[in-house]
Structure formats: C-alpha cells, structure tokens
Protein backbone atom coordinates (compact mmCIF):
# COMPACT_ATOMS: atom_id res chain seq x y z
CA UNK A 1 244.77 250.08 98.53
CA UNK A 2 242.91 251.20 95.38
CA UNK A 3 242.47 248.61 92.69
CA UNK A 4 243.75 249.48 89.22
CA UNK A 5 241.45 249.07 86.20
CA UNK A 6 243.42 245.99 85.18
CA UNK A 7 242.97 244.45 88.62
CA UNK A 8 239.25 245.28 88.53
CA UNK A 9 238.87 243.54 85.17
CA UNK A 10 240.46 240.32 86.46
CA UNK A 11 237.57 239.94 88.87
CA UNK A 12 235.42 238.76 85.98
CA UNK A 13 237.65 236.28 84.09
CA UNK A 14 234.78 234.06 83.00
CA UNK A 15 232.86 237.00 81.61
CA UNK A 16 235.90 238.17 79.67
CA UNK A 17 236.53 234.69 78.27
CA UNK A 18 232.89 234.44 77.25
CA UNK A 19 233.08 237.84 75.55
CA UNK A 20 236.17 236.75 73.66
CA UNK A 21 234.35 233.63 72.42
CA UNK A 22 231.32 235.71 71.43
CA UNK A 23 233.48 238.18 69.57
CA UNK A 24 235.32 235.48 67.60
CA UNK A 25 232.10 233.61 66.77
CA UNK A 26 230.28 236.77 65.79
CA UNK A 27 233.10 237.93 63.57
CA UNK A 28 232.82 234.62 61.71
CA UNK A 29 229.22 235.41 60.74
CA UNK A 30 228.68 236.95 57.30
CA UNK A 31 227.12 240.37 56.84
CA UNK A 32 223.33 240.15 57.49
CA UNK A 33 222.70 240.81 53.78
CA UNK A 34 224.59 237.64 52.82
CA UNK A 35 223.28 235.80 55.87
CA UNK A 36 219.73 236.01 54.50
CA UNK A 37 220.79 234.75 51.08
CA UNK A 38 222.56 231.84 52.78
CA UNK A 39 219.40 231.20 54.80
CA UNK A 40 217.42 231.23 51.54
CA UNK A 41 219.81 228.61 50.14
CA UNK A 42 219.40 226.51 53.28
CA UNK A 43 215.64 226.96 53.03
CA UNK A 44 215.77 225.61 49.48
CA UNK A 45 217.68 222.50 50.56
CA UNK A 46 215.31 221.79 53.47
CA UNK A 47 212.22 222.39 51.34
CA UNK A 48 213.55 220.03 48.65
CA UNK A 49 214.11 217.25 51.18
CA UNK A 50 210.76 217.68 52.93
CA UNK A 51 208.87 218.03 49.64
CA UNK A 52 210.52 214.81 48.48
CA UNK A 53 209.04 213.02 51.49
CA UNK A 54 205.65 214.69 50.95
CA UNK A 55 205.58 216.34 54.38
CA UNK A 56 202.28 218.10 55.05
CA UNK A 57 200.01 219.41 57.81
CA UNK A 58 196.36 220.40 58.16
CA UNK A 59 196.08 224.19 58.08
CA UNK A 60 194.35 225.48 61.24
CA UNK A 61 193.03 228.49 59.31
CA UNK A 62 190.92 226.62 56.72
CA UNK A 63 191.28 222.89 57.46
CA UNK A 64 193.00 222.19 54.14
CA UNK A 65 196.11 220.07 53.69
CA UNK A 66 199.27 222.14 53.27
CA UNK A 67 202.24 220.38 51.66
CA UNK A 68 205.82 221.63 51.65
CA UNK A 69 206.85 222.98 48.23
CA UNK A 70 210.35 222.64 46.78
CA UNK A 71 212.00 226.02 46.33
CA UNK A 72 214.49 224.47 43.91
CA UNK A 73 211.74 223.15 41.65
CA UNK A 74 210.85 224.81 38.36
CA UNK A 75 207.86 226.52 39.97
CA UNK A 76 210.00 227.69 42.86
CA UNK A 77 212.71 229.19 40.68
CA UNK A 78 210.10 230.88 38.47
CA UNK A 79 208.44 232.36 41.57
CA UNK A 80 211.76 233.61 42.96
CA UNK A 81 212.65 235.39 39.72
CA UNK A 82 209.25 236.81 38.80
CA UNK A 83 208.39 238.18 42.25
CA UNK A 84 211.75 239.64 43.29
CA UNK A 85 210.80 243.27 42.69
CA UNK A 86 207.28 242.77 44.01
CA UNK A 87 208.59 241.13 47.21
CA UNK A 88 210.77 244.16 47.89
CA UNK A 89 208.10 246.73 47.00
CA UNK A 90 205.44 245.03 49.13
CA UNK A 91 207.66 244.20 52.10
CA UNK A 92 205.42 245.40 54.97
CA UNK A 93 207.86 247.70 56.82
CA UNK A 94 209.26 249.27 53.64
CA UNK A 95 206.91 252.18 52.94
CA UNK A 96 206.15 252.75 56.62
CA UNK A 97 209.76 253.10 57.70
CA UNK A 98 210.60 255.43 54.79
CA UNK A 99 207.70 257.74 55.69
CA UNK A 100 208.56 257.78 59.42
CA UNK A 101 212.26 258.37 58.79
CA UNK A 102 211.56 261.40 56.57
CA UNK A 103 209.73 263.09 59.44
CA UNK A 104 212.18 262.05 62.15
CA UNK A 105 215.11 263.17 59.96
CA UNK A 106 213.81 266.74 59.90
CA UNK A 107 213.54 266.77 63.70
CA UNK A 108 216.98 265.24 64.14
CA UNK A 109 218.95 267.08 61.43
CA UNK A 110 217.47 270.46 62.32
CA UNK A 111 218.93 270.02 65.82
CA UNK A 112 215.63 269.63 67.68
CA UNK A 113 216.33 266.18 69.14
CA UNK A 114 219.90 267.03 70.13
CA UNK A 115 218.87 270.22 71.91
CA UNK A 116 215.96 268.44 73.60
CA UNK A 117 218.35 265.80 74.99
CA UNK A 118 220.83 268.44 76.14
CA UNK A 119 218.18 270.40 78.00
CA UNK A 120 216.63 267.22 79.35
CA UNK A 121 219.81 265.94 81.00
CA UNK A 122 221.26 269.29 82.07
CA UNK A 123 218.33 270.84 83.93
CA UNK A 124 217.78 268.19 86.59
CA UNK A 125 219.08 268.14 90.19
CA UNK A 126 222.19 266.06 90.86
CA UNK A 127 220.13 263.48 92.74
CA UNK A 128 217.99 262.87 89.65
CA UNK A 129 220.70 262.85 86.99
CA UNK A 130 220.96 259.04 86.82
CA UNK A 131 217.22 258.60 86.25
CA UNK A 132 217.15 261.54 83.82
CA UNK A 133 219.93 260.13 81.64
CA UNK A 134 218.45 256.61 81.82
CA UNK A 135 214.96 257.76 80.85
CA UNK A 136 216.40 260.00 78.13
CA UNK A 137 218.04 256.85 76.77
CA UNK A 138 214.66 255.23 76.24
CA UNK A 139 213.17 258.36 74.67
CA UNK A 140 216.22 258.80 72.44
CA UNK A 141 215.31 255.69 70.44
CA UNK A 142 213.11 257.86 68.28
CA UNK A 143 216.35 259.05 66.68
CA UNK A 144 217.32 255.43 65.87
CA UNK A 145 221.09 254.96 65.67
CA UNK A 146 221.67 258.68 66.19
CA UNK A 147 220.59 258.14 69.81
CA UNK A 148 223.98 256.61 70.58
CA UNK A 149 225.91 259.39 68.89
CA UNK A 150 223.96 262.16 70.64
CA UNK A 151 223.24 260.86 74.12
CA UNK A 152 226.22 258.66 75.10
CA UNK A 153 228.73 261.56 75.27
CA UNK A 154 226.01 263.79 76.78
CA UNK A 155 225.63 261.23 79.58
CA UNK A 156 229.28 261.65 80.50
CA UNK A 157 228.98 265.43 80.38
CA UNK A 158 225.81 265.46 82.52
CA UNK A 159 227.43 263.32 85.21
CA UNK A 160 230.61 265.42 85.16
CA UNK A 161 228.56 268.61 85.50
CA UNK A 162 227.06 267.46 88.82
CA UNK A 163 230.30 266.04 90.22
CA UNK A 164 229.71 262.40 89.32
CA UNK A 165 231.92 260.07 87.33
CA UNK A 166 231.68 260.80 83.59
CA UNK A 167 232.62 257.16 82.95
CA UNK A 168 229.50 256.13 84.83
CA UNK A 169 227.46 258.63 82.81
CA UNK A 170 228.61 257.04 79.56
CA UNK A 171 227.76 253.57 80.89
CA UNK A 172 224.28 254.63 82.03
CA UNK A 173 223.46 256.38 78.75
CA UNK A 174 224.80 253.53 76.58
CA UNK A 175 223.09 250.76 78.55
CA UNK A 176 219.77 252.64 78.67
CA UNK A 177 219.82 252.91 74.88
CA UNK A 178 221.20 249.43 74.11
CA UNK A 179 219.45 247.21 76.67
CA UNK A 180 216.26 249.23 76.59
CA UNK A 181 216.24 249.82 72.85
CA UNK A 182 212.68 248.60 72.24
CA UNK A 183 211.10 250.31 75.25
CA UNK A 184 210.58 253.84 73.95
CA UNK A 185 207.53 255.73 75.28
CA UNK A 186 207.46 257.56 71.92
CA UNK A 187 206.65 255.65 68.70
CA UNK A 188 209.89 254.92 66.83
CA UNK A 189 210.94 253.62 63.40
CA UNK A 190 211.56 250.24 65.03
CA UNK A 191 207.89 250.00 65.97
CA UNK A 192 206.99 250.29 62.30
CA UNK A 193 209.57 247.69 61.27
CA UNK A 194 208.53 245.14 63.89
CA UNK A 195 204.81 245.64 63.19
CA UNK A 196 205.33 245.01 59.48
CA UNK A 197 207.33 241.83 60.05
CA UNK A 198 204.87 240.60 62.69
CA UNK A 199 201.95 241.25 60.32
CA UNK A 200 203.59 239.23 57.54
CA UNK A 201 204.23 236.34 59.95
CA UNK A 202 200.74 236.42 61.48
CA UNK A 203 199.12 236.24 58.05
CA UNK A 204 200.46 232.72 57.67
CA UNK A 205 197.65 231.78 60.09
CA UNK A 206 195.16 234.63 59.73
CA UNK A 207 195.39 236.35 56.31
CA UNK A 208 193.34 239.40 57.34
CA UNK A 209 195.31 240.34 60.46
CA UNK A 210 197.23 243.62 60.73
CA UNK A 211 199.55 244.54 63.60
CA UNK A 212 199.78 248.29 64.26
CA UNK A 213 203.02 250.17 65.01
CA UNK A 214 201.26 251.14 68.28
CA UNK A 215 200.44 247.53 69.19
CA UNK A 216 202.90 247.52 72.14
CA UNK A 217 202.69 251.23 73.02
CA UNK A 218 201.15 250.91 76.50
CA UNK A 219 203.69 248.23 77.40
CA UNK A 220 206.53 250.35 76.02
CA UNK A 221 205.59 253.32 78.18
CA UNK A 222 205.55 251.22 81.34
CA UNK A 223 208.76 249.45 80.30
CA UNK A 224 210.67 252.70 79.77
CA UNK A 225 209.77 253.95 83.25
CA UNK A 226 210.61 250.60 84.86
CA UNK A 227 213.97 250.28 83.10
CA UNK A 228 214.97 253.84 83.99
CA UNK A 229 214.17 253.08 87.63
CA UNK A 230 216.12 249.80 87.56
CA UNK A 231 219.15 251.51 86.01
CA UNK A 232 218.98 254.17 88.74
CA UNK A 233 218.85 251.60 91.55
CA UNK A 234 221.62 249.37 90.19
CA UNK A 235 223.83 252.36 89.49
CA UNK A 236 223.43 253.73 92.99
CA UNK A 237 223.57 250.40 94.84
CA UNK A 238 226.19 248.55 92.78
CA UNK A 239 228.15 250.60 90.25
CA UNK A 240 228.67 253.59 92.54
CA UNK A 241 230.66 251.31 94.88
CA UNK A 242 233.27 250.52 92.26
CA UNK A 243 236.74 251.87 92.97
CA UNK A 244 237.68 252.65 89.38
CA UNK A 245 235.25 255.46 88.56
CA UNK A 246 237.71 258.33 88.30
CA UNK A 247 238.96 259.37 84.84
CA UNK A 248 242.69 259.46 84.06
CA UNK A 249 244.40 262.51 85.59
CA UNK A 250 245.75 263.47 82.17
CA UNK A 251 242.51 262.83 80.22
CA UNK A 252 242.03 265.40 77.44
CA UNK A 253 238.45 266.58 77.76
CA UNK A 254 238.68 269.59 75.44
CA UNK A 255 237.07 267.84 72.44
CA UNK A 256 234.23 266.14 74.29
CA UNK A 257 231.89 269.10 74.09
CA UNK A 258 229.57 270.69 76.61
CA UNK A 259 225.95 270.99 77.66
CA UNK A 260 225.63 274.66 76.73
CA UNK A 261 222.47 275.54 74.82
CA UNK A 262 222.45 278.91 73.07
CA UNK A 263 219.64 281.36 73.73
CA UNK A 264 218.40 281.02 70.15
CA UNK A 265 218.29 277.24 70.53
CA UNK A 266 216.30 277.56 73.74
CA UNK A 267 213.78 279.81 72.02
CA UNK A 268 213.56 277.38 69.11
CA UNK A 269 212.99 274.48 71.51
CA UNK A 270 210.19 276.32 73.34
CA UNK A 271 208.42 277.23 70.11
CA UNK A 272 208.76 273.72 68.67
CA UNK A 273 207.45 272.08 71.86
CA UNK A 274 204.55 274.54 71.91
CA UNK A 275 203.88 273.59 68.28
CA UNK A 276 203.90 269.91 69.26
CA UNK A 277 201.36 270.50 72.04
CA UNK A 278 199.18 272.59 69.72
CA UNK A 279 199.35 269.93 66.98
CA UNK A 280 198.38 267.18 69.40
CA UNK A 281 195.52 269.35 70.64
CA UNK A 282 194.23 269.89 67.11
CA UNK A 283 194.53 266.19 66.34
CA UNK A 284 192.62 265.33 69.52
CA UNK A 285 189.89 267.86 68.71
CA UNK A 286 189.51 266.42 65.21
CA UNK A 287 189.21 262.91 66.62
CA UNK A 288 186.81 263.57 69.50
CA UNK A 289 183.47 263.83 67.61
CA UNK A 290 181.88 260.43 67.05
CA UNK A 291 181.28 261.44 63.41
CA UNK A 292 184.95 262.37 62.85
CA UNK A 293 186.37 261.10 59.53
CA UNK A 294 189.42 259.99 61.55
CA UNK A 295 187.26 257.41 63.35
CA UNK A 296 186.26 254.05 61.99
CA UNK A 297 182.93 252.33 61.60
CA UNK A 298 180.58 253.03 64.50
CA UNK A 299 182.90 255.75 65.81
CA UNK A 300 185.70 253.26 66.57
CA UNK A 301 189.16 254.64 67.30
CA UNK A 302 190.85 251.24 67.46
CA UNK A 303 189.85 250.30 63.90
CA UNK A 304 190.12 253.73 62.32
CA UNK A 305 191.94 255.78 59.67
CA UNK A 306 193.83 257.49 62.52
CA UNK A 307 195.54 254.30 63.69
CA UNK A 308 195.82 252.92 60.17
CA UNK A 309 197.79 256.04 59.27
CA UNK A 310 199.69 256.39 62.53
CA UNK A 311 203.05 256.24 60.71
CA UNK A 312 202.09 259.28 58.65
CA UNK A 313 200.82 261.07 61.79
CA UNK A 314 204.13 260.45 63.59
CA UNK A 315 206.11 261.59 60.54
CA UNK A 316 204.05 264.78 60.21
CA UNK A 317 204.40 265.65 63.91
CA UNK A 318 208.18 265.24 63.86
CA UNK A 319 208.40 267.06 60.54
CA UNK A 320 206.38 270.07 61.70
CA UNK A 321 208.23 270.31 65.01
CA UNK A 322 211.59 269.99 63.23
CA UNK A 323 210.68 272.75 60.74
CA UNK A 324 209.60 275.15 63.50
CA UNK A 325 212.81 274.46 65.41
CA UNK A 326 215.02 274.74 62.34
CA UNK A 327 213.50 278.01 61.11
CA UNK A 328 213.81 279.58 64.56
CA UNK A 329 217.32 278.25 65.26
CA UNK A 330 218.57 279.06 61.78
CA UNK A 331 219.35 275.49 60.73
CA UNK A 332 216.56 275.70 58.12
CA UNK A 333 216.90 278.85 56.04
CA UNK A 334 214.73 278.09 53.03
CA UNK A 335 212.03 275.66 51.97
CA UNK A 336 214.53 273.62 49.96
CA UNK A 337 216.44 272.74 53.14
CA UNK A 338 213.59 270.54 54.38
CA UNK A 339 213.72 267.88 51.64
CA UNK A 340 217.54 267.96 51.93
CA UNK A 341 217.24 266.98 55.59
CA UNK A 342 214.87 264.17 54.60
CA UNK A 343 217.37 262.92 52.04
CA UNK A 344 220.13 262.95 54.66
CA UNK A 345 217.94 260.86 56.95
CA UNK A 346 217.19 258.37 54.19
CA UNK A 347 220.90 258.13 53.38
CA UNK A 348 221.44 256.99 56.96
CA UNK A 349 218.78 254.33 56.39
CA UNK A 350 220.34 253.08 53.14
CA UNK A 351 222.05 250.05 54.78
CA UNK A 352 218.72 249.02 56.32
CA UNK A 353 216.91 249.33 53.00
CA UNK A 354 219.55 247.16 51.31
CA UNK A 355 219.10 244.59 54.08
CA UNK A 356 215.33 244.77 53.58
CA UNK A 357 215.80 243.60 49.97
CA UNK A 358 217.41 240.34 51.14
CA UNK A 359 214.95 239.92 54.02
CA UNK A 360 211.95 240.45 51.74
CA UNK A 361 213.09 237.67 49.41
CA UNK A 362 213.75 235.25 52.28
CA UNK A 363 210.32 235.84 53.82
CA UNK A 364 208.59 235.44 50.45
CA UNK A 365 210.43 232.16 49.82
CA UNK A 366 209.62 230.98 53.34
CA UNK A 367 205.92 231.66 52.85
CA UNK A 368 205.84 230.04 49.38
CA UNK A 369 207.47 226.80 50.54
CA UNK A 370 204.88 226.45 53.34
CA UNK A 371 207.70 225.45 55.65
CA UNK A 372 206.50 227.99 58.19
CA UNK A 373 203.08 226.32 58.35
CA UNK A 374 204.68 222.92 58.97
CA UNK A 375 207.08 224.21 61.63
CA UNK A 376 204.44 226.28 63.40
CA UNK A 377 201.80 223.54 63.48
CA UNK A 378 204.20 220.84 64.65
CA UNK A 379 205.94 223.04 67.22
CA UNK A 380 202.57 224.15 68.60
CA UNK A 381 201.51 220.50 68.84
CA UNK A 382 204.68 219.69 70.78
CA UNK A 383 203.98 222.51 73.21
CA UNK A 384 200.36 221.44 73.63
CA UNK A 385 201.33 217.83 74.31
CA UNK A 386 204.16 218.80 76.65
CA UNK A 387 201.73 220.32 79.13
CA UNK A 388 204.13 223.20 79.75
CA UNK A 389 202.48 226.30 81.21
CA UNK A 390 202.40 229.27 78.85
CA UNK A 391 204.77 231.34 81.06
CA UNK A 392 207.38 228.56 80.78
CA UNK A 393 207.01 228.63 76.99
CA UNK A 394 207.53 232.40 77.12
CA UNK A 395 210.74 231.94 79.11
CA UNK A 396 212.08 229.29 76.74
CA UNK A 397 211.45 231.55 73.76
CA UNK A 398 213.01 234.50 75.59
CA UNK A 399 216.20 232.59 76.44
CA UNK A 400 216.55 231.35 72.86
CA UNK A 401 216.10 234.81 71.34
CA UNK A 402 218.41 236.43 73.91
CA UNK A 403 221.22 234.05 72.98
CA UNK A 404 220.68 234.72 69.28
CA UNK A 405 220.72 238.47 69.95
CA UNK A 406 224.26 238.22 71.28
CA UNK A 407 225.36 237.24 67.76
CA UNK A 408 222.74 238.93 65.55
CA UNK A 409 222.35 242.39 67.05
CA UNK A 410 220.18 243.77 64.25
CA UNK A 411 216.62 243.68 65.58
CA UNK A 412 215.01 243.70 62.14
CA UNK A 413 217.28 240.87 60.97
CA UNK A 414 216.65 238.69 64.01
CA UNK A 415 212.89 239.28 64.01
CA UNK A 416 212.74 238.51 60.30
CA UNK A 417 214.30 235.11 61.02
CA UNK A 418 212.30 234.32 64.15
CA UNK A 419 208.86 235.84 63.47
CA UNK A 420 207.75 233.50 60.64
CA UNK A 421 208.07 230.56 63.04
CA UNK A 422 207.37 232.01 66.49
CA UNK A 423 204.36 234.19 65.67
CA UNK A 424 202.30 231.45 63.92
CA UNK A 425 203.47 228.82 66.42
CA UNK A 426 202.28 230.83 69.42
CA UNK A 427 199.10 231.89 67.63
CA UNK A 428 198.23 228.18 67.46
CA UNK A 429 198.41 227.99 71.25
CA UNK A 430 196.24 231.13 71.48
CA UNK A 431 199.01 233.69 72.00
CA UNK A 432 198.41 236.90 70.07
CA UNK A 433 201.03 238.25 67.62
CA UNK A 434 201.27 241.41 69.71
CA UNK A 435 202.20 239.31 72.76
CA UNK A 436 204.96 237.50 70.89
CA UNK A 437 206.26 240.82 69.58
CA UNK A 438 206.31 242.26 73.11
CA UNK A 439 208.32 239.24 74.28
CA UNK A 440 210.75 239.72 71.39
CA UNK A 441 211.38 243.32 72.44
CA UNK A 442 212.94 242.10 75.69
CA UNK A 443 215.21 239.59 73.97
CA UNK A 444 216.20 242.08 71.27
CA UNK A 445 217.34 244.59 73.88
CA UNK A 446 218.60 242.85 77.02
CA UNK A 447 221.93 241.40 75.89
CA UNK A 448 222.81 244.18 73.43
CA UNK A 449 224.72 246.24 76.01
CA UNK A 450 227.17 243.42 76.76
CA UNK A 451 227.93 242.04 73.32
CA UNK A 452 230.99 243.34 71.45
CA UNK A 453 229.19 242.35 68.24
CA UNK A 454 227.21 245.58 68.44
CA UNK A 455 229.01 248.38 66.59
CA UNK A 456 227.69 250.78 69.20
CA UNK A 457 229.45 248.81 71.94
CA UNK A 458 232.74 249.73 70.27
CA UNK A 459 231.55 253.32 69.82
CA UNK A 460 230.67 253.59 73.54
CA UNK A 461 234.08 252.12 74.37
CA UNK A 462 235.65 254.90 72.30
CA UNK A 463 233.82 257.53 74.36
CA UNK A 464 234.92 255.79 77.55
CA UNK A 465 238.55 255.76 76.40
CA UNK A 466 238.50 259.54 76.23
CA UNK A 467 238.28 259.43 80.02
CA UNK A 468 240.33 256.25 80.55
CA UNK A 469 242.80 255.39 77.83
CA UNK A 470 243.42 251.75 78.82
CA UNK A 471 239.72 250.79 78.99
CA UNK A 472 238.94 247.67 76.96
CA UNK A 473 236.02 245.47 75.98
CA UNK A 474 236.10 243.78 79.40
CA UNK A 475 236.05 247.13 81.17
CA UNK A 476 232.87 248.29 79.48
CA UNK A 477 231.25 244.85 79.76
CA UNK A 478 231.95 244.66 83.48
CA UNK A 479 230.06 247.94 83.91
CA UNK A 480 227.12 247.08 81.67
CA UNK A 481 226.62 243.46 82.78
CA UNK A 482 224.90 244.19 86.15
CA UNK A 483 222.64 246.73 84.47
CA UNK A 484 221.75 244.49 81.53
CA UNK A 485 220.95 241.49 83.75
CA UNK A 486 218.80 243.53 86.14
CA UNK A 487 216.98 245.18 83.23
CA UNK A 488 216.24 241.88 81.50
CA UNK A 489 214.98 240.19 84.68
CA UNK A 490 212.76 243.09 85.73
CA UNK A 491 211.43 243.57 82.19
CA UNK A 492 210.57 239.87 81.99
CA UNK A 493 208.69 240.07 85.29
CA UNK A 494 206.78 243.08 83.99
CA UNK A 495 205.89 241.15 80.81
CA UNK A 496 204.62 238.11 82.74
CA UNK A 497 202.63 240.31 85.15
CA UNK A 498 201.19 242.33 82.28
CA UNK A 499 200.14 239.21 80.39
CA UNK A 500 198.83 237.54 83.55
CA UNK A 501 196.60 240.51 84.34
CA UNK A 502 195.37 240.72 80.75
CA UNK A 503 196.33 244.38 80.27
CA UNK A 504 196.22 245.48 76.60
CA UNK A 505 199.68 245.86 75.05
CA UNK A 506 198.50 248.88 73.08
CA UNK A 507 195.44 250.33 71.35
CA UNK A 508 193.39 247.43 70.03
CA UNK A 509 196.02 244.89 71.10
CA UNK A 510 194.67 242.63 73.88
CA UNK A 511 197.22 240.49 75.71
CA UNK A 512 194.88 237.54 76.34
C-alpha cells in the first residue's frame, strides 16, 4: 500500500516538532537591523560593568595593557556620534560588494546567467541530471539571492524532462544552493563580504593584515565538487526510495515554464562565453611577465595589484560578458541600458546595504570598547589550558555556529557577530583568519536548507506546492534533512583533512 504524503510526514514527528519550535523562536527575533542595535545596547551595558571593575588584558600584538572602555561614557557617546558616517563609509565589505554587484547585475539582468543555467541543466544525460543540477546550485551563488529564483524551478523542469520526479528536482536544486551556499567555485559577492568582515576582525590582533576575497577559493572549488557528489549519492541511495515522489495528478504545470532556449539566446551565450575565455586569456598574458605591472614586488602574484583588485576584475569580467550577451540577445539595446541594469542590481542589494549601516556601527563600538580583545585573549587562554586538540576546538565552534545559523540565516549578519570574537581568539592559538572563515562557511550553509527561518525555504516550498498542493514545512524539511546532514558531515571531514594536510585555502592563504 502506498503511503500518503501525510503518512510520510508522520515518520519524522521529532523533526517536525523541532521545526515548529525553531519557527516560533525565530519569529520572535527582531529584524537583523534592529538586532544589531540591540546588540550595541547590550555591548554598552557589558562594557560599562567591565570598565567599572577595571577589567584588562595584555595585548598579544604589542604587549601593552588593554582595558575595557565604557561605551556609555562621555568619550564613548562622543565616538559613537562623531564616527557614525565614517564607520559606514569605511566598513570593509561596503565598496567591494557594491563594485562586484554592479558587474554581476549586468550578467544577471541581461539574461546571461539564466540562460547559462538553463543550458547547463538541460543538455546533460538523464544519468547525470542530479549531479548537474547540484553542481549548478553551487555555481549559481554568483547570482546571490537570484540563484534561488532562477535555479529552483529549473531543477524541477530538468528532472521532469528526463522522466524523474520534479519534486525531487526542486529539492536537489534548493538544497544545493542553501546548504552549499558558501562553496561556489566562482568568486561571489559573499566572498567579498566575508573577507571584509574577517579583515576587520583580524586587525584586532594584527593591524596590517588583509584577507582577500579569494582567500578560500581553492577550498571552495573542492567543496563544490564534493557537495555535488554527496547530493547525487544521497539522492540516488535515499531520496529516490521514497514513495511520495509523484506530483498530484491534477497539478497545473502550465505556468512553471520550460527549458527552451531560443536560437538567438544560444548565439548570445556562445559569444559571451567566448568573450569570457578571451578576456581571461588576455588577463593571463598581461600577468605572465615577471615585470608585469599587475604583479607585486619581486614579481609576486600573491601580494600584487591583481589580487588586491580582484573585486574589480570579477566585476569587469561579469560586466563585459553580460554586455556581449545582452547586445546579441537584444536585452541591451543602447549604452544607457547598462547602467540601468547596474541600478536594478543595486536596488536588490538595498536591504543588505541598510543592514551594513547597523553592522558597521556595532563593529566599530565593539572595537572601541576593547571587549573583543578581552574575550579573545581569555577564550584563547581557556582553550590553551584545556589541552583540547585543535580539531576538537574546530568542531565546538562549528556546532555553535550551526545552531546560531538555524535562527540567524543571514551569513553577513552572523559573521559580523561571530568574527570579532572567533577570528582573534583562534589567531591567538595560531589559527589563521582564513582558516576560521573557511570553518564558518560550513556552519553558515549546512543547516540553511532545513530551517523555516530562511525566506528561501518558504519560496522553495511554494515551488513544491505547484506539484503537490498539500506539501508543508515538514514535507520539504523531510526531503532536505538527509541531504543537509550528509553535506555538513562530508564538508567538515574535507575541512579537517584539508587543514591537517596543510593545503592552502586560496592564493596566499596558508592553512597552517
């Protein structure tokens, strides 16, 4: 006898109860914008108490005594008021993310990224469709939030086109994006955001340090391939055996779209990809000579203008490719269309920029109070005295961040809270900022596919309900849970192996 969807859901009562608790608790949290102002208020209270007791530590960077400063003092209030604009303007990810988004917006809004995803998931054999959709999910992160909107319904269409369950296609696409969000083999806006926040945190210990947007690139490439493989195996060995994969007999599929790519779009895609290859070839040729102005002192590539300006390089590549595609496909008809596409992309980023204003103030207050120094030094001392192996410390940090991610699904928000403590703390036990950032990527991604606190969870559920009207939060979670758990465990093992072998995380970013 075939189990109904309702019967299938009752097999995971504990999971459903946990999801209900998570949803209620998460809904009680304020908007991240207000959350950071509340954290600033809490920071002021804590700093006032600790300053009253004269709490201090010896700075490991210069050997001087660092004493907690009261944010609510006259000096603190004067600092908060006088530096508000400067804090926002100099917030490390600010300029970088704006530049990257302008380039990516041209590629996305011209139709290049959407067509690339369509072709990518529609031209593979049926036996490879799971891996193709899963890997496309990791590549799609370059489009930021648009990845969900573009690829999740395409996943259902791709599976349906080869005779597989479209419900499963939606689950694979959504989970690949959500639980592998920080594993893109292509540099993304998130890389710029994380690098900026990590840099600000690391400078609490080492004022001259700079973390590049490519600092985890090698690890990201390997992670994307691993996660796509894990999704493929779990889908074939576990999810394919479910008995509730068929869509409703009366499901209306007329408004879901198709995978058809017009001839003009195909031509535009070929020309834009050829332009990308040519551009990369020119860039490589300009960089090869040891005297190249794109190299640094002594012919260095690691410490060079090329890597220092990698955000601009990425933006230019996406912009050029998007323009070639748009002109050929007819989505860009005149020069004035290009800045309009950039504006549309920046409009999409407006909520993030507003959040950055609150985050920038919180981080500036945190640094001024010296509370981060005190927490980092004391926490590092606890870890040193505990005798815990470094891998165990990694796992403890990973579990903590994963639990927080269930509630705070914004990666930039969570990293802004955690980085000022974790990065300096682990630097004091000789763990590089790039290593801590790589660890954070796993926590920021793994539990995202199962938490109803993510707005994209609800969006994916909406796509699923087009095929099965009575699907609910528990339905989607019961599909994504095996994938998310397997992805997190395998990604953690890759991280520990990578660190253990001392493989660089990215250009100029050693792991040991």
